């Protein structure tokens, strides 16, 4: 956003007031007082426009978790199969 000491329209913000309002586009109106390069004080109502950030989608995270669970399940299944094969081979049959 903006604060005291920040640059605005070629001047420096000396006072700022937010009313807490926000419109449907996510824009925030605020009142600011600033001093320009010549020392003249300017007051007015301004608007802050939102800047969107890219947020990673949760589907990629869920896919990675599902892939890990599948790999773990297959590994456990393979180990159980190996144990049952070992048990069968140790049995002796007499006829």
C-alpha atoms as a PDB file:
ATOM      1  CA  UNK A   1       0.000   0.000   0.000  1.00  0.00           C
ATOM      2  CA  UNK A   2       1.314   3.448   0.886  1.00  0.00           C
ATOM      3  CA  UNK A   3       2.522   5.193   3.997  1.00  0.00           C
ATOM      4  CA  UNK A   4       3.947   8.452   5.317  1.00  0.00           C
ATOM      5  CA  UNK A   5       7.235   9.252   3.572  1.00  0.00           C
ATOM      6  CA  UNK A   6       6.315   7.359   0.390  1.00  0.00           C
ATOM      7  CA  UNK A   7       6.303   8.991  -3.018  1.00  0.00           C
ATOM      8  CA  UNK A   8       2.980   9.923  -4.611  1.00  0.00           C
ATOM      9  CA  UNK A   9       2.502  12.030  -7.779  1.00  0.00           C
ATOM     10  CA  UNK A  10       6.039  13.376  -7.554  1.00  0.00           C
ATOM     11  CA  UNK A  11       5.657  14.464  -3.919  1.00  0.00           C
ATOM     12  CA  UNK A  12       6.186  12.949  -0.490  1.00  0.00           C
ATOM     13  CA  UNK A  13       3.222  11.780   1.615  1.00  0.00           C
ATOM     14  CA  UNK A  14       3.048  13.689   4.924  1.00  0.00           C
ATOM     15  CA  UNK A  15      -0.366  12.540   6.166  1.00  0.00           C
ATOM     16  CA  UNK A  16      -2.672   9.673   5.245  1.00  0.00           C
ATOM     17  CA  UNK A  17      -6.130   8.458   6.283  1.00  0.00           C
ATOM     18  CA  UNK A  18      -7.900   5.223   5.319  1.00  0.00           C
ATOM     19  CA  UNK A  19     -11.662   5.050   5.749  1.00  0.00           C
ATOM     20  CA  UNK A  20     -11.688   1.259   5.662  1.00  0.00           C
ATOM     21  CA  UNK A  21     -13.801   1.085   2.519  1.00  0.00           C
ATOM     22  CA  UNK A  22     -13.188  -1.205  -0.436  1.00  0.00           C
ATOM     23  CA  UNK A  23     -15.099  -1.475  -3.717  1.00  0.00           C
ATOM     24  CA  UNK A  24     -16.083  -4.544  -5.779  1.00  0.00           C
ATOM     25  CA  UNK A  25     -12.796  -4.391  -7.709  1.00  0.00           C
ATOM     26  CA  UNK A  26     -10.750  -4.574  -4.511  1.00  0.00           C
ATOM     27  CA  UNK A  27      -9.672  -0.923  -4.801  1.00  0.00           C
ATOM     28  CA  UNK A  28      -9.079   1.016  -1.584  1.00  0.00           C
ATOM     29  CA  UNK A  29      -9.786   4.776  -1.409  1.00  0.00           C
ATOM     30  CA  UNK A  30      -7.667   6.923   0.896  1.00  0.00           C
ATOM     31  CA  UNK A  31      -7.122  10.574   1.732  1.00  0.00           C
ATOM     32  CA  UNK A  32      -3.526  11.815   1.495  1.00  0.00           C
ATOM     33  CA  UNK A  33      -1.649  15.017   2.071  1.00  0.00           C
ATOM     34  CA  UNK A  34       1.681  15.413   0.311  1.00  0.00           C
ATOM     35  CA  UNK A  35       4.346  18.005  -0.299  1.00  0.00           C
ATOM     36  CA  UNK A  36       5.612  18.373  -3.873  1.00  0.00           C
ATOM     37  CA  UNK A  37       9.130  19.325  -4.995  1.00  0.00           C
ATOM     38  CA  UNK A  38       8.379  23.057  -4.750  1.00  0.00           C
ATOM     39  CA  UNK A  39       7.148  22.698  -1.142  1.00  0.00           C
ATOM     40  CA  UNK A  40       3.473  23.110  -2.049  1.00  0.00           C
ATOM     41  CA  UNK A  41       1.038  21.001   0.010  1.00  0.00           C
ATOM     42  CA  UNK A  42      -1.445  18.952  -2.018  1.00  0.00           C
ATOM     43  CA  UNK A  43      -4.428  17.133  -0.532  1.00  0.00           C
ATOM     44  CA  UNK A  44      -6.751  14.724  -2.237  1.00  0.00           C
ATOM     45  CA  UNK A  45      -8.562  11.436  -2.338  1.00  0.00           C
ATOM     46  CA  UNK A  46      -6.665   8.659  -4.082  1.00  0.00           C
ATOM     47  CA  UNK A  47      -7.276   5.053  -4.984  1.00  0.00           C
ATOM     48  CA  UNK A  48      -5.002   2.064  -4.394  1.00  0.00           C
ATOM     49  CA  UNK A  49      -5.382  -0.649  -7.029  1.00  0.00           C
ATOM     50  CA  UNK A  50      -4.707  -4.254  -5.985  1.00  0.00           C
ATOM     51  CA  UNK A  51      -1.803  -6.145  -7.492  1.00  0.00           C
ATOM     52  CA  UNK A  52      -2.535  -9.836  -7.825  1.00  0.00           C
ATOM     53  CA  UNK A  53       0.021 -12.439  -6.775  1.00  0.00           C
ATOM     54  CA  UNK A  54       0.141 -15.870  -8.286  1.00  0.00           C
ATOM     55  CA  UNK A  55      -0.841 -18.506  -5.768  1.00  0.00           C
ATOM     56  CA  UNK A  56       0.031 -22.137  -6.473  1.00  0.00           C
ATOM     57  CA  UNK A  57      -2.988 -24.299  -7.088  1.00  0.00           C
ATOM     58  CA  UNK A  58      -3.850 -26.886  -4.494  1.00  0.00           C
ATOM     59  CA  UNK A  59      -4.435 -29.505  -7.212  1.00  0.00           C
ATOM     60  CA  UNK A  60      -0.699 -29.861  -7.820  1.00  0.00           C
ATOM     61  CA  UNK A  61      -0.141 -30.451  -4.090  1.00  0.00           C
ATOM     62  CA  UNK A  62      -2.974 -32.968  -3.953  1.00  0.00           C
ATOM     63  CA  UNK A  63      -1.584 -34.771  -6.994  1.00  0.00           C
ATOM     64  CA  UNK A  64       1.827 -35.025  -5.369  1.00  0.00           C
ATOM     65  CA  UNK A  65       0.294 -36.418  -2.170  1.00  0.00           C
ATOM     66  CA  UNK A  66      -1.750 -38.962  -4.145  1.00  0.00           C
ATOM     67  CA  UNK A  67       1.340 -40.052  -6.080  1.00  0.00           C
ATOM     68  CA  UNK A  68       3.256 -40.515  -2.802  1.00  0.00           C
ATOM     69  CA  UNK A  69       0.418 -42.547  -1.275  1.00  0.00           C
ATOM     70  CA  UNK A  70       0.255 -44.757  -4.371  1.00  0.00           C
ATOM     71  CA  UNK A  71       4.003 -45.373  -4.250  1.00  0.00           C
ATOM     72  CA  UNK A  72       3.869 -46.216  -0.546  1.00  0.00           C
ATOM     73  CA  UNK A  73       0.944 -48.595  -1.100  1.00  0.00           C
ATOM     74  CA  UNK A  74       2.712 -50.408  -3.929  1.00  0.00           C
ATOM     75  CA  UNK A  75       5.898 -50.731  -1.863  1.00  0.00           C
ATOM     76  CA  UNK A  76       4.006 -52.205   1.092  1.00  0.00           C
ATOM     77  CA  UNK A  77       2.104 -54.572  -1.190  1.00  0.00           C
ATOM     78  CA  UNK A  78       5.390 -55.790  -2.697  1.00  0.00           C
ATOM     79  CA  UNK A  79       6.883 -56.405   0.760  1.00  0.00           C
ATOM     80  CA  UNK A  80       3.816 -58.385   1.888  1.00  0.00           C
ATOM     81  CA  UNK A  81       3.983 -60.471  -1.288  1.00  0.00           C
ATOM     82  CA  UNK A  82       7.677 -61.227  -0.652  1.00  0.00           C
ATOM     83  CA  UNK A  83       6.923 -62.378   2.929  1.00  0.00           C
ATOM     84  CA  UNK A  84       4.180 -64.737   1.769  1.00  0.00           C
ATOM     85  CA  UNK A  85       6.482 -66.171  -0.930  1.00  0.00           C
ATOM     86  CA  UNK A  86       9.190 -66.841   1.651  1.00  0.00           C
ATOM     87  CA  UNK A  87       6.717 -68.640   3.943  1.00  0.00           C
ATOM     88  CA  UNK A  88       5.521 -70.897   1.139  1.00  0.00           C
ATOM     89  CA  UNK A  89       9.032 -71.863   0.137  1.00  0.00           C
ATOM     90  CA  UNK A  90       9.934 -72.896   3.678  1.00  0.00           C
ATOM     91  CA  UNK A  91       7.060 -75.373   3.925  1.00  0.00           C
ATOM     92  CA  UNK A  92       7.845 -78.988   3.171  1.00  0.00           C
ATOM     93  CA  UNK A  93       5.265 -81.372   1.927  1.00  0.00           C
ATOM     94  CA  UNK A  94       5.331 -85.095   2.561  1.00  0.00           C
ATOM     95  CA  UNK A  95       3.244 -87.467   0.580  1.00  0.00           C
END
